[in-house]
Amino acid sequence: MKTYALKLKQNIPVSLDTAWEFFSSPLNLAKITPPEVNFVVTSDYNDAARVYPGMIITYKVSPLFGIKLNWMTEITHVQDHQYFVDEQRFGPYALWHHQHHFKEIPGGVEMTDLLHYAIPYGIIGRLSNKVLVGKQIKKIFDYRVKAVETIFGRFEG
């Protein structure tokens, strides 16, 4: 099974408290995901919910061709105001390990996403990543950059 990695950094012109408050809420993920993915949190959380180790989050997504999929992740690690990790427990990937890191910098926060993922089905999975899945994941993260800028403004530091 081949594992792929994606690392993205974005500077955000807000305090660490503001960034953590937004990104540690499972419900806010839908706000930074492209509409065509049809991302819906199906877990029964309210706006006050924040990530904690052991938290299970369920979703419905349509990442490719409008096909609806169920997805479940677990928050496995949390260091308040520094990082949290979500790992797929059920869903379309053979492996999904996503680290979200936050660091205070002059003028705001540096947010780093470290994603490791793998696709099932051997050579077919590797081919589908090259042709389709890898590009779709990159497109989703590119959308997030723009959505975060829309919500918080552009970092000028």
C-alpha atoms as a PDB file:
ATOM      1  CA  MET A   1       0.000   0.000   0.000  1.00  0.00           C
ATOM      2  CA  LYS A   2       1.471   3.334  -1.064  1.00  0.00           C
ATOM      3  CA  THR A   3       1.124   6.249   1.339  1.00  0.00           C
ATOM      4  CA  TYR A   4       0.891   9.830   0.089  1.00  0.00           C
ATOM      5  CA  ALA A   5       1.715  12.998   2.013  1.00  0.00           C
ATOM      6  CA  LEU A   6       0.544  16.563   1.705  1.00  0.00           C
ATOM      7  CA  LYS A   7       1.885  19.476   3.750  1.00  0.00           C
ATOM      8  CA  LEU A   8       0.328  22.915   3.622  1.00  0.00           C
ATOM      9  CA  LYS A   9       1.042  26.075   5.604  1.00  0.00           C
ATOM     10  CA  GLN A  10      -1.161  29.126   5.844  1.00  0.00           C
ATOM     11  CA  ASN A  11      -0.703  32.277   7.891  1.00  0.00           C
ATOM     12  CA  ILE A  12      -3.903  33.711   9.329  1.00  0.00           C
ATOM     13  CA  PRO A  13      -4.236  37.274  10.705  1.00  0.00           C
ATOM     14  CA  VAL A  14      -5.966  36.301  13.969  1.00  0.00           C
ATOM     15  CA  SER A  15      -5.013  35.441  17.521  1.00  0.00           C
ATOM     16  CA  LEU A  16      -4.183  31.882  18.489  1.00  0.00           C
ATOM     17  CA  ASP A  17      -7.356  31.810  20.618  1.00  0.00           C
ATOM     18  CA  THR A  18      -9.500  32.788  17.619  1.00  0.00           C
ATOM     19  CA  ALA A  19      -7.867  30.248  15.314  1.00  0.00           C
ATOM     20  CA  TRP A  20      -8.159  27.456  17.874  1.00  0.00           C
ATOM     21  CA  GLU A  21     -11.784  28.323  18.653  1.00  0.00           C
ATOM     22  CA  PHE A  22     -12.706  28.053  14.960  1.00  0.00           C
ATOM     23  CA  PHE A  23     -10.660  25.039  13.834  1.00  0.00           C
ATOM     24  CA  SER A  24     -11.278  22.904  16.925  1.00  0.00           C
ATOM     25  CA  SER A  25     -15.027  22.926  16.244  1.00  0.00           C
ATOM     26  CA  PRO A  26     -16.107  19.918  14.154  1.00  0.00           C
ATOM     27  CA  LEU A  27     -19.014  21.916  12.712  1.00  0.00           C
ATOM     28  CA  ASN A  28     -16.732  24.533  11.142  1.00  0.00           C
ATOM     29  CA  LEU A  29     -15.118  22.016   8.795  1.00  0.00           C
ATOM     30  CA  ALA A  30     -18.138  22.266   6.493  1.00  0.00           C
ATOM     31  CA  LYS A  31     -17.539  26.040   6.204  1.00  0.00           C
ATOM     32  CA  ILE A  32     -14.114  25.494   4.618  1.00  0.00           C
ATOM     33  CA  THR A  33     -14.972  22.523   2.378  1.00  0.00           C
ATOM     34  CA  PRO A  34     -16.025  23.006  -1.263  1.00  0.00           C
ATOM     35  CA  PRO A  35     -19.827  22.903  -1.695  1.00  0.00           C
ATOM     36  CA  GLU A  36     -19.594  20.208  -4.396  1.00  0.00           C
ATOM     37  CA  VAL A  37     -18.198  17.766  -1.813  1.00  0.00           C
ATOM     38  CA  ASN A  38     -21.602  17.935  -0.037  1.00  0.00           C
ATOM     39  CA  PHE A  39     -19.865  17.678   3.329  1.00  0.00           C
ATOM     40  CA  VAL A  40     -22.301  17.248   6.221  1.00  0.00           C
ATOM     41  CA  VAL A  41     -21.403  16.492   9.838  1.00  0.00           C
ATOM     42  CA  THR A  42     -23.894  13.857  10.985  1.00  0.00           C
ATOM     43  CA  SER A  43     -22.631  13.606  14.572  1.00  0.00           C
ATOM     44  CA  ASP A  44     -24.902  15.223  17.129  1.00  0.00           C
ATOM     45  CA  TYR A  45     -22.640  18.112  18.138  1.00  0.00           C
ATOM     46  CA  ASN A  46     -23.566  21.724  18.720  1.00  0.00           C
ATOM     47  CA  ASP A  47     -21.577  24.920  18.162  1.00  0.00           C
ATOM     48  CA  ALA A  48     -19.978  24.629  21.612  1.00  0.00           C
ATOM     49  CA  ALA A  49     -18.331  21.248  20.870  1.00  0.00           C
ATOM     50  CA  ARG A  50     -14.523  21.250  20.668  1.00  0.00           C
ATOM     51  CA  VAL A  51     -12.154  18.418  19.776  1.00  0.00           C
ATOM     52  CA  TYR A  52     -10.958  16.085  22.511  1.00  0.00           C
ATOM     53  CA  PRO A  53      -9.045  12.778  22.408  1.00  0.00           C
ATOM     54  CA  GLY A  54     -11.458   9.970  21.591  1.00  0.00           C
ATOM     55  CA  MET A  55     -14.037  12.243  19.933  1.00  0.00           C
ATOM     56  CA  ILE A  56     -15.797  10.421  17.083  1.00  0.00           C
ATOM     57  CA  ILE A  57     -17.071  12.562  14.222  1.00  0.00           C
ATOM     58  CA  THR A  58     -19.291  11.176  11.468  1.00  0.00           C
ATOM     59  CA  TYR A  59     -19.921  12.786   8.104  1.00  0.00           C
ATOM     60  CA  LYS A  60     -21.569  12.282   4.783  1.00  0.00           C
ATOM     61  CA  VAL A  61     -19.447  13.326   1.799  1.00  0.00           C
ATOM     62  CA  SER A  62     -19.597  13.126  -1.973  1.00  0.00           C
ATOM     63  CA  PRO A  63     -15.947  13.578  -2.936  1.00  0.00           C
ATOM     64  CA  LEU A  64     -16.167  12.111  -6.446  1.00  0.00           C
ATOM     65  CA  PHE A  65     -18.923  11.897  -9.038  1.00  0.00           C
ATOM     66  CA  GLY A  66     -21.628  12.791  -6.495  1.00  0.00           C
ATOM     67  CA  ILE A  67     -21.362   9.339  -4.868  1.00  0.00           C
ATOM     68  CA  LYS A  68     -22.456   9.677  -1.219  1.00  0.00           C
ATOM     69  CA  LEU A  69     -20.168   8.066   1.332  1.00  0.00           C
ATOM     70  CA  ASN A  70     -20.205   7.713   5.090  1.00  0.00           C
ATOM     71  CA  TRP A  71     -17.015   8.733   6.834  1.00  0.00           C
ATOM     72  CA  MET A  72     -15.976   8.434  10.471  1.00  0.00           C
ATOM     73  CA  THR A  73     -12.908   9.972  12.067  1.00  0.00           C
ATOM     74  CA  GLU A  74     -11.560   9.885  15.587  1.00  0.00           C
ATOM     75  CA  ILE A  75      -9.674  12.726  17.208  1.00  0.00           C
ATOM     76  CA  THR A  76      -6.696  10.808  18.575  1.00  0.00           C
ATOM     77  CA  HIS A  77      -4.458  13.549  19.978  1.00  0.00           C
ATOM     78  CA  VAL A  78      -5.082  17.086  21.218  1.00  0.00           C
ATOM     79  CA  GLN A  79      -2.646  19.577  22.677  1.00  0.00           C
ATOM     80  CA  ASP A  80      -4.765  22.631  23.468  1.00  0.00           C
ATOM     81  CA  HIS A  81      -3.959  25.617  21.236  1.00  0.00           C
ATOM     82  CA  GLN A  82      -1.126  23.673  19.541  1.00  0.00           C
ATOM     83  CA  TYR A  83      -2.413  20.724  17.523  1.00  0.00           C
ATOM     84  CA  PHE A  84      -4.952  17.981  17.054  1.00  0.00           C
ATOM     85  CA  VAL A  85      -4.992  14.825  14.940  1.00  0.00           C
ATOM     86  CA  ASP A  86      -7.891  13.146  13.192  1.00  0.00           C
ATOM     87  CA  GLU A  87      -7.701   9.585  11.885  1.00  0.00           C
ATOM     88  CA  GLN A  88     -10.225   7.778   9.723  1.00  0.00           C
ATOM     89  CA  ARG A  89     -11.986   4.884  11.416  1.00  0.00           C
ATOM     90  CA  PHE A  90     -14.392   4.153   8.552  1.00  0.00           C
ATOM     91  CA  GLY A  91     -14.471   5.659   5.085  1.00  0.00           C
ATOM     92  CA  PRO A  92     -13.053   5.762   1.597  1.00  0.00           C
ATOM     93  CA  TYR A  93      -9.339   5.642   2.436  1.00  0.00           C
ATOM     94  CA  ALA A  94      -7.132   2.763   3.519  1.00  0.00           C
ATOM     95  CA  LEU A  95      -5.351   5.331   5.737  1.00  0.00           C
ATOM     96  CA  TRP A  96      -6.181   8.912   6.693  1.00  0.00           C
ATOM     97  CA  HIS A  97      -4.013  10.641   9.309  1.00  0.00           C
ATOM     98  CA  HIS A  98      -4.424  14.423   9.404  1.00  0.00           C
ATOM     99  CA  GLN A  99      -2.456  16.651  11.770  1.00  0.00           C
ATOM    100  CA  HIS A 100      -3.557  20.259  12.360  1.00  0.00           C
ATOM    101  CA  HIS A 101      -0.824  22.439  13.919  1.00  0.00           C
ATOM    102  CA  PHE A 102      -1.132  26.036  15.149  1.00  0.00           C
ATOM    103  CA  LYS A 103       1.729  28.359  16.085  1.00  0.00           C
ATOM    104  CA  GLU A 104       1.572  31.988  17.125  1.00  0.00           C
ATOM    105  CA  ILE A 105       3.643  34.236  14.847  1.00  0.00           C
ATOM    106  CA  PRO A 106       3.974  38.019  14.597  1.00  0.00           C
ATOM    107  CA  GLY A 107       0.675  39.292  13.192  1.00  0.00           C
ATOM    108  CA  GLY A 108      -1.254  36.064  13.568  1.00  0.00           C
ATOM    109  CA  VAL A 109      -1.073  32.290  13.464  1.00  0.00           C
ATOM    110  CA  GLU A 110       0.777  29.841  11.249  1.00  0.00           C
ATOM    111  CA  MET A 111      -1.466  26.864  10.553  1.00  0.00           C
ATOM    112  CA  THR A 112       0.125  23.703   9.188  1.00  0.00           C
ATOM    113  CA  ASP A 113      -1.765  20.707   7.837  1.00  0.00           C
ATOM    114  CA  LEU A 114       0.126  17.421   7.556  1.00  0.00           C
ATOM    115  CA  LEU A 115      -1.897  14.756   5.788  1.00  0.00           C
ATOM    116  CA  HIS A 116      -0.884  11.151   5.185  1.00  0.00           C
ATOM    117  CA  TYR A 117      -3.315   9.002   3.259  1.00  0.00           C
ATOM    118  CA  ALA A 118      -3.493   5.783   1.305  1.00  0.00           C
ATOM    119  CA  ILE A 119      -6.020   4.416  -1.130  1.00  0.00           C
ATOM    120  CA  PRO A 120      -7.097   0.776  -1.148  1.00  0.00           C
ATOM    121  CA  TYR A 121      -7.064  -1.556  -4.174  1.00  0.00           C
ATOM    122  CA  GLY A 122      -3.335  -1.778  -4.885  1.00  0.00           C
ATOM    123  CA  ILE A 123      -2.319  -0.663  -8.359  1.00  0.00           C
ATOM    124  CA  ILE A 124      -5.851   0.535  -9.137  1.00  0.00           C
ATOM    125  CA  GLY A 125      -5.698   2.736  -6.029  1.00  0.00           C
ATOM    126  CA  ARG A 126      -2.302   4.135  -7.032  1.00  0.00           C
ATOM    127  CA  LEU A 127      -3.567   4.884 -10.534  1.00  0.00           C
ATOM    128  CA  SER A 128      -6.743   6.514  -9.199  1.00  0.00           C
ATOM    129  CA  ASN A 129      -4.629   8.704  -6.898  1.00  0.00           C
ATOM    130  CA  LYS A 130      -2.470   9.834  -9.796  1.00  0.00           C
ATOM    131  CA  VAL A 131      -5.397  10.518 -12.123  1.00  0.00           C
ATOM    132  CA  LEU A 132      -8.106  11.688  -9.764  1.00  0.00           C
ATOM    133  CA  VAL A 133      -7.945  11.407  -5.971  1.00  0.00           C
ATOM    134  CA  GLY A 134      -4.681  13.273  -5.365  1.00  0.00           C
ATOM    135  CA  LYS A 135      -5.884  16.164  -7.516  1.00  0.00           C
ATOM    136  CA  GLN A 136      -9.240  16.213  -5.712  1.00  0.00           C
ATOM    137  CA  ILE A 137      -7.572  16.335  -2.285  1.00  0.00           C
ATOM    138  CA  LYS A 138      -5.295  19.179  -3.441  1.00  0.00           C
ATOM    139  CA  LYS A 139      -8.357  21.015  -4.812  1.00  0.00           C
ATOM    140  CA  ILE A 140     -10.138  20.672  -1.457  1.00  0.00           C
ATOM    141  CA  PHE A 141      -7.140  22.056   0.443  1.00  0.00           C
ATOM    142  CA  ASP A 142      -6.711  24.906  -2.077  1.00  0.00           C
ATOM    143  CA  TYR A 143     -10.371  25.773  -1.504  1.00  0.00           C
ATOM    144  CA  ARG A 144      -9.733  25.794   2.252  1.00  0.00           C
ATOM    145  CA  VAL A 145      -6.984  28.383   1.852  1.00  0.00           C
ATOM    146  CA  LYS A 146      -9.393  30.706   0.046  1.00  0.00           C
ATOM    147  CA  ALA A 147     -12.249  30.012   2.471  1.00  0.00           C
ATOM    148  CA  VAL A 148     -10.020  30.756   5.474  1.00  0.00           C
ATOM    149  CA  GLU A 149      -8.963  34.052   3.834  1.00  0.00           C
ATOM    150  CA  THR A 150     -12.615  34.910   3.232  1.00  0.00           C
ATOM    151  CA  ILE A 151     -13.484  34.222   6.870  1.00  0.00           C
ATOM    152  CA  PHE A 152     -10.435  35.771   8.573  1.00  0.00           C
ATOM    153  CA  GLY A 153      -8.863  38.032   5.953  1.00  0.00           C
ATOM    154  CA  ARG A 154      -5.587  37.845   4.095  1.00  0.00           C
ATOM    155  CA  PHE A 155      -2.363  37.709   6.101  1.00  0.00           C
ATOM    156  CA  GLU A 156      -0.195  40.732   5.244  1.00  0.00           C
ATOM    157  CA  GLY A 157       2.656  40.176   7.751  1.00  0.00           C
END
